[in-house]
Amino acid sequence: MDNSLFHIPNSESGRTLIVIAGPTASGKTAAAIQLAKQLNTVIVSADSRQLYKEMSIGTAVPSPKELREVKHYFIQNISILSDYDVADYERDALKLLKLLFKEHDHVVMAGGSGLYIDAVCRGIDLMPDITLETRQRVTKLFEEQGLAGLQAEVRRLDPEYWAFVDKKNPRRLQRALEICYQTGETFSSFRTKQPVKRDFNIVKYALYRDKADLYNRINQRVEVMLSHGLVDEARKLLPYRRRNALNTVGYKELFDYFDGKCSLNEAIEQIKLNTRHYAKRQMTWLRKDTSYQWIKAEF
């Protein structure tokens, strides 16, 4: 990889967070490791699924070799049984960065979870505290009526948010309903979208590849995951399928296979298809942010 593709601010400009984003399978891990080695620094992961200890094969966590090359943070550090969300990540990441910037002029952040990156770079809107009773009410709705029940309620109570929310992400829908039930107001009314000024500089890069190249890499990655034991990993996690962490491409398709809804080959093809769709959504998210500098990944 040609590290000259990345313009690195000099240390005199102060503490700098260098973000490397991009769709799944675009090469973020390789790029981040090479850049971190060049700068003699560390990597902070911004991947909402690589956080979980029990999910390694299906989330494509960096290999043991890659983890030895550069120190990584927020890789398999919590359990799927934890109620951990983007607000927790923002708090923990900012606390960590405060410590890391005492030792490094530059820190690399890499990941494909745009919401997590935005939380650190721009901040997230302050939301009211949710009572246990309200959270249990929303959880019960999901358990009894599934995703369709959440979708219907969000559409009814907050049509503005419904217009653009990821309608297949139960945690996003649950969070919106918790606010609606708790306050009697729409979730949209609490979204100010006003960025928070951070006490460090931020430089943001996004990797892209030609569509055929990216889709080929996605298909190859799925085959590698399968050869490494993805089916067995998913089977072990089946009892926890209702946890938000497991509403993830690669697991939910195999859960359908375990339920007898499709063959294994059909599940595999669906994983590849849904991963390609996920990559497209990631690109759409990133393109909305004009602060990214785009780099074609050809390594």
Protein backbone atom coordinates (compact mmCIF):
# COMPACT_ATOMS: atom_id res chain seq x y z
CA MET A 1 0.00 0.00 0.00
CA ASP A 2 1.19 3.50 -0.85
CA ASN A 3 1.10 5.45 2.41
CA SER A 4 1.62 8.67 0.43
CA LEU A 5 -2.08 8.44 -0.36
CA PHE A 6 -2.70 9.64 3.19
CA HIS A 7 -1.77 13.22 4.00
CA ILE A 8 -0.55 13.10 7.57
CA PRO A 9 -0.60 16.37 9.52
CA ASN A 10 2.69 17.20 11.23
CA SER A 11 2.90 16.90 14.99
CA GLU A 12 3.01 20.68 15.37
CA SER A 13 -0.65 20.81 14.37
CA GLY A 14 -1.54 19.05 17.60
CA ARG A 15 -3.23 15.80 18.45
CA THR A 16 -4.88 14.27 15.39
CA LEU A 17 -7.35 11.44 14.98
CA ILE A 18 -6.98 9.86 11.54
CA VAL A 19 -10.15 8.05 10.51
CA ILE A 20 -10.08 5.28 7.90
CA ALA A 21 -13.60 4.28 6.93
CA GLY A 22 -15.13 2.43 4.01
CA PRO A 23 -17.50 -0.41 3.16
CA THR A 24 -16.97 -3.92 4.42
CA ALA A 25 -14.11 -5.80 2.70
CA SER A 26 -12.63 -2.59 1.27
CA GLY A 27 -9.30 -3.09 3.06
CA LYS A 28 -9.65 -0.84 6.11
CA THR A 29 -7.75 -3.14 8.44
CA ALA A 30 -4.73 -3.46 6.16
CA ALA A 31 -4.65 0.29 5.50
CA ALA A 32 -4.98 1.16 9.18
CA ILE A 33 -2.22 -1.23 10.22
CA GLN A 34 0.22 0.07 7.64
CA LEU A 35 -0.52 3.68 8.57
CA ALA A 36 -0.31 3.01 12.31
CA LYS A 37 3.07 1.29 11.85
CA GLN A 38 4.32 4.23 9.82
CA LEU A 39 3.27 6.63 12.59
CA ASN A 40 4.28 4.30 15.44
CA THR A 41 0.82 4.56 16.94
CA VAL A 42 -2.26 2.47 17.77
CA ILE A 43 -5.67 1.69 16.25
CA VAL A 44 -9.05 2.38 17.80
CA SER A 45 -11.69 0.18 16.20
CA ALA A 46 -15.01 1.75 15.21
CA ASP A 47 -16.83 -1.47 14.37
CA SER A 48 -20.05 -2.04 16.28
CA ARG A 49 -19.79 -5.83 15.98
CA GLN A 50 -16.10 -6.51 16.47
CA LEU A 51 -16.66 -5.31 20.05
CA TYR A 52 -18.16 -8.64 21.06
CA LYS A 53 -16.10 -11.47 22.52
CA GLU A 54 -18.36 -14.23 21.26
CA MET A 55 -18.38 -13.04 17.64
CA SER A 56 -15.07 -13.36 15.85
CA ILE A 57 -15.42 -15.32 12.61
CA GLY A 58 -18.60 -13.62 11.41
CA THR A 59 -17.36 -10.12 12.20
CA ALA A 60 -13.98 -10.49 10.47
CA VAL A 61 -11.98 -9.29 13.46
CA PRO A 62 -8.30 -8.67 12.72
CA SER A 63 -6.27 -11.87 12.76
CA PRO A 64 -3.96 -12.69 15.69
CA LYS A 65 -1.04 -11.72 13.45
CA GLU A 66 -2.60 -8.34 12.66
CA LEU A 67 -3.36 -7.73 16.31
CA ARG A 68 0.28 -8.43 17.14
CA GLU A 69 1.50 -5.97 14.53
CA VAL A 70 -0.32 -2.98 16.01
CA LYS A 71 -2.12 -2.50 19.31
CA HIS A 72 -5.91 -2.42 18.77
CA TYR A 73 -8.63 -1.17 21.10
CA PHE A 74 -12.33 -2.09 21.19
CA ILE A 75 -11.77 -5.52 19.68
CA GLN A 76 -13.77 -8.28 21.43
CA ASN A 77 -13.82 -6.42 24.73
CA ILE A 78 -17.47 -6.88 25.79
CA SER A 79 -20.05 -9.67 25.84
CA ILE A 80 -23.14 -9.95 23.65
CA LEU A 81 -25.05 -10.08 26.94
CA SER A 82 -24.06 -6.48 27.63
CA ASP A 83 -26.43 -3.62 26.81
CA TYR A 84 -23.83 -1.57 24.97
CA ASP A 85 -24.73 1.10 22.46
CA VAL A 86 -23.26 4.04 20.58
CA ALA A 87 -23.56 6.35 23.59
CA ASP A 88 -21.44 3.94 25.63
CA TYR A 89 -18.94 3.76 22.80
CA GLU A 90 -18.69 7.56 22.53
CA ARG A 91 -18.01 7.84 26.26
CA ASP A 92 -15.45 5.03 26.33
CA ALA A 93 -13.69 6.08 23.13
CA LEU A 94 -13.27 9.70 24.22
CA LYS A 95 -11.92 8.59 27.57
CA LEU A 96 -9.44 6.29 25.83
CA LEU A 97 -8.36 8.94 23.31
CA LYS A 98 -7.60 11.35 26.13
CA LEU A 99 -5.10 8.81 27.45
CA LEU A 100 -3.70 7.81 24.06
CA PHE A 101 -3.00 11.41 23.04
CA LYS A 102 -0.70 11.74 26.03
CA GLU A 103 1.61 9.25 24.30
CA HIS A 104 0.87 9.75 20.60
CA ASP A 105 0.50 12.77 18.33
CA HIS A 106 -1.63 10.68 15.98
CA VAL A 107 -4.15 7.91 16.62
CA VAL A 108 -5.76 5.86 13.84
CA MET A 109 -9.47 5.01 14.01
CA ALA A 110 -10.70 2.33 11.60
CA GLY A 111 -14.09 0.77 11.05
CA GLY A 112 -17.20 0.58 8.99
CA SER A 113 -19.77 1.69 11.57
CA GLY A 114 -20.50 5.23 10.47
CA LEU A 115 -22.65 5.96 13.51
CA TYR A 116 -19.79 5.04 15.85
CA ILE A 117 -17.32 7.18 13.92
CA ASP A 118 -19.74 10.11 13.96
CA ALA A 119 -20.26 9.72 17.70
CA VAL A 120 -16.56 10.30 18.32
CA CYS A 121 -16.01 12.95 15.66
CA ARG A 122 -19.24 14.92 15.97
CA GLY A 123 -20.96 13.74 19.14
CA ILE A 124 -24.43 12.31 19.50
CA ASP A 125 -27.57 14.07 20.60
CA LEU A 126 -28.36 14.04 24.31
CA MET A 127 -31.34 11.82 24.99
CA PRO A 128 -33.47 11.48 28.13
CA ASP A 129 -32.85 8.59 30.49
CA ILE A 130 -35.06 5.58 29.91
CA THR A 131 -36.69 3.77 32.82
CA LEU A 132 -36.49 0.02 33.17
CA GLU A 133 -40.27 -0.17 32.79
CA THR A 134 -40.16 1.59 29.42
CA ARG A 135 -37.27 -0.54 28.19
CA GLN A 136 -39.12 -3.70 29.21
CA ARG A 137 -42.23 -2.49 27.41
CA VAL A 138 -40.31 -2.12 24.16
CA THR A 139 -38.49 -5.42 24.66
CA LYS A 140 -41.82 -7.19 25.19
CA LEU A 141 -43.16 -5.69 21.96
CA PHE A 142 -40.16 -7.03 20.07
CA GLU A 143 -40.41 -10.47 21.65
CA GLU A 144 -44.13 -10.79 20.94
CA GLN A 145 -44.42 -9.10 17.53
CA GLY A 146 -40.88 -9.20 16.19
CA LEU A 147 -39.38 -6.69 13.79
CA ALA A 148 -42.76 -6.01 12.17
CA GLY A 149 -44.19 -4.83 15.48
CA LEU A 150 -41.34 -2.37 16.01
CA GLN A 151 -41.66 -1.10 12.45
CA ALA A 152 -45.39 -0.48 12.76
CA GLU A 153 -45.00 1.47 16.00
CA VAL A 154 -42.17 3.67 14.73
CA ARG A 155 -44.09 4.37 11.54
CA ARG A 156 -47.13 5.37 13.63
CA LEU A 157 -45.37 7.42 16.32
CA ASP A 158 -42.50 9.04 14.41
CA PRO A 159 -43.08 9.12 10.64
CA GLU A 160 -40.21 11.61 10.20
CA TYR A 161 -37.68 9.15 11.65
CA TRP A 162 -39.36 6.26 9.86
CA ALA A 163 -38.61 7.94 6.53
CA PHE A 164 -34.86 7.33 6.78
CA VAL A 165 -34.14 4.87 9.62
CA ASP A 166 -32.61 1.49 8.82
CA LYS A 167 -35.92 -0.37 9.01
CA LYS A 168 -34.27 -3.75 9.48
CA ASN A 169 -32.22 -2.70 12.52
CA PRO A 170 -34.29 -3.57 15.62
CA ARG A 171 -32.01 -1.70 18.01
CA ARG A 172 -32.47 1.59 16.14
CA LEU A 173 -36.23 1.06 16.15
CA GLN A 174 -36.28 0.08 19.82
CA ARG A 175 -34.30 3.16 20.78
CA ALA A 176 -36.75 5.42 18.95
CA LEU A 177 -39.72 3.77 20.65
CA GLU A 178 -38.11 4.05 24.07
CA ILE A 179 -37.90 7.82 23.59
CA CYS A 180 -41.44 8.04 22.24
CA TYR A 181 -42.92 5.99 25.10
CA GLN A 182 -40.82 7.69 27.79
CA THR A 183 -41.42 11.31 26.77
CA GLY A 184 -44.54 11.35 24.64
CA GLU A 185 -42.48 13.19 22.03
CA THR A 186 -40.97 11.93 18.79
CA PHE A 187 -37.43 10.62 18.65
CA SER A 188 -36.84 13.05 15.77
CA SER A 189 -37.48 16.03 18.03
CA PHE A 190 -34.39 15.16 20.09
CA ARG A 191 -32.08 14.95 17.08
CA THR A 192 -30.34 18.33 16.77
CA LYS A 193 -27.47 17.21 14.52
CA GLN A 194 -25.27 19.96 15.96
CA PRO A 195 -21.63 18.79 15.95
CA VAL A 196 -19.66 18.95 19.17
CA LYS A 197 -16.23 20.57 19.06
CA ARG A 198 -13.54 18.07 20.03
CA ASP A 199 -10.19 19.01 21.57
CA PHE A 200 -8.25 17.14 18.88
CA ASN A 201 -7.91 17.48 15.11
CA ILE A 202 -9.74 15.06 12.85
CA VAL A 203 -8.72 13.91 9.37
CA LYS A 204 -11.09 11.50 7.65
CA TYR A 205 -10.43 9.11 4.75
CA ALA A 206 -12.84 6.72 3.07
CA LEU A 207 -11.71 3.79 0.95
CA TYR A 208 -13.57 2.68 -2.14
CA ARG A 209 -13.15 -0.02 -4.78
CA ASP A 210 -14.68 -0.76 -8.15
CA LYS A 211 -17.97 -2.55 -7.62
CA ALA A 212 -16.84 -5.82 -9.22
CA ASP A 213 -13.66 -5.82 -7.14
CA LEU A 214 -15.52 -5.10 -3.90
CA TYR A 215 -18.21 -7.71 -4.54
CA ASN A 216 -15.58 -10.31 -5.37
CA ARG A 217 -13.76 -9.55 -2.12
CA ILE A 218 -17.02 -9.83 -0.20
CA ASN A 219 -17.79 -13.23 -1.72
CA GLN A 220 -14.27 -14.45 -0.99
CA ARG A 221 -14.48 -13.22 2.59
CA VAL A 222 -17.70 -15.15 3.16
CA GLU A 223 -16.07 -18.33 1.84
CA VAL A 224 -13.10 -17.81 4.17
CA MET A 225 -15.44 -17.30 7.14
CA LEU A 226 -17.20 -20.55 6.32
CA SER A 227 -13.90 -22.41 6.08
CA HIS A 228 -12.94 -21.03 9.50
CA GLY A 229 -16.10 -22.35 11.17
CA LEU A 230 -18.78 -19.68 10.81
CA VAL A 231 -21.62 -22.24 10.88
CA ASP A 232 -20.45 -23.70 14.21
CA GLU A 233 -19.95 -20.23 15.67
CA ALA A 234 -23.49 -19.23 14.69
CA ARG A 235 -24.90 -22.48 16.11
CA LYS A 236 -23.31 -21.74 19.50
CA LEU A 237 -24.87 -18.27 19.47
CA LEU A 238 -28.36 -19.45 18.49
CA PRO A 239 -29.72 -19.27 22.07
CA TYR A 240 -28.88 -15.55 22.10
CA ARG A 241 -30.38 -14.71 18.72
CA ARG A 242 -32.65 -12.01 20.18
CA ARG A 243 -29.67 -9.97 21.35
CA ASN A 244 -29.18 -6.89 19.19
CA ALA A 245 -25.57 -7.82 18.50
CA LEU A 246 -26.73 -10.88 16.59
CA ASN A 247 -28.94 -8.95 14.22
CA THR A 248 -25.94 -9.13 11.97
CA VAL A 249 -25.35 -10.35 8.44
CA GLY A 250 -23.75 -13.79 8.54
CA TYR A 251 -25.58 -14.90 11.67
CA LYS A 252 -29.24 -14.17 11.03
CA GLU A 253 -29.14 -16.01 7.68
CA LEU A 254 -27.68 -19.08 9.37
CA PHE A 255 -30.34 -18.85 12.07
CA ASP A 256 -32.91 -19.22 9.27
CA TYR A 257 -31.00 -22.30 8.09
CA PHE A 258 -31.09 -23.78 11.60
CA ASP A 259 -34.84 -23.09 11.68
CA GLY A 260 -35.28 -25.10 8.48
CA LYS A 261 -36.38 -22.07 6.46
CA CYS A 262 -33.69 -22.56 3.83
CA SER A 263 -30.84 -24.83 2.82
CA LEU A 264 -27.26 -24.12 3.82
CA ASN A 265 -26.36 -23.14 0.26
CA GLU A 266 -29.29 -20.73 0.17
CA ALA A 267 -28.20 -19.21 3.47
CA ILE A 268 -24.66 -18.75 2.16
CA GLU A 269 -25.86 -17.02 -0.98
CA GLN A 270 -28.10 -14.80 1.14
CA ILE A 271 -25.13 -13.86 3.34
CA LYS A 272 -23.21 -12.76 0.26
CA LEU A 273 -26.18 -10.81 -1.10
CA ASN A 274 -26.96 -9.11 2.22
CA THR A 275 -23.30 -8.23 2.74
CA ARG A 276 -23.25 -6.54 -0.65
CA HIS A 277 -26.39 -4.61 0.30
CA TYR A 278 -24.78 -3.63 3.60
CA ALA A 279 -21.72 -2.33 1.74
CA LYS A 280 -23.98 -0.16 -0.41
CA ARG A 281 -25.63 1.31 2.70
CA GLN A 282 -22.23 2.05 4.18
CA MET A 283 -21.21 3.91 1.04
CA THR A 284 -24.45 5.92 1.10
CA TRP A 285 -23.80 6.92 4.71
CA LEU A 286 -20.22 7.97 4.02
CA ARG A 287 -21.09 9.98 0.92
CA LYS A 288 -23.37 12.18 2.99
CA ASP A 289 -20.34 13.43 4.92
CA THR A 290 -18.34 15.84 2.77
CA SER A 291 -15.43 15.89 5.23
CA TYR A 292 -14.17 12.53 3.95
CA GLN A 293 -11.29 12.37 1.50
CA TRP A 294 -11.88 9.43 -0.83
CA ILE A 295 -9.08 7.03 -1.73
CA LYS A 296 -9.28 4.17 -4.22
CA ALA A 297 -8.06 1.02 -2.52
CA GLU A 298 -5.93 -0.94 -4.96
CA PHE A 299 -3.69 -2.81 -2.54
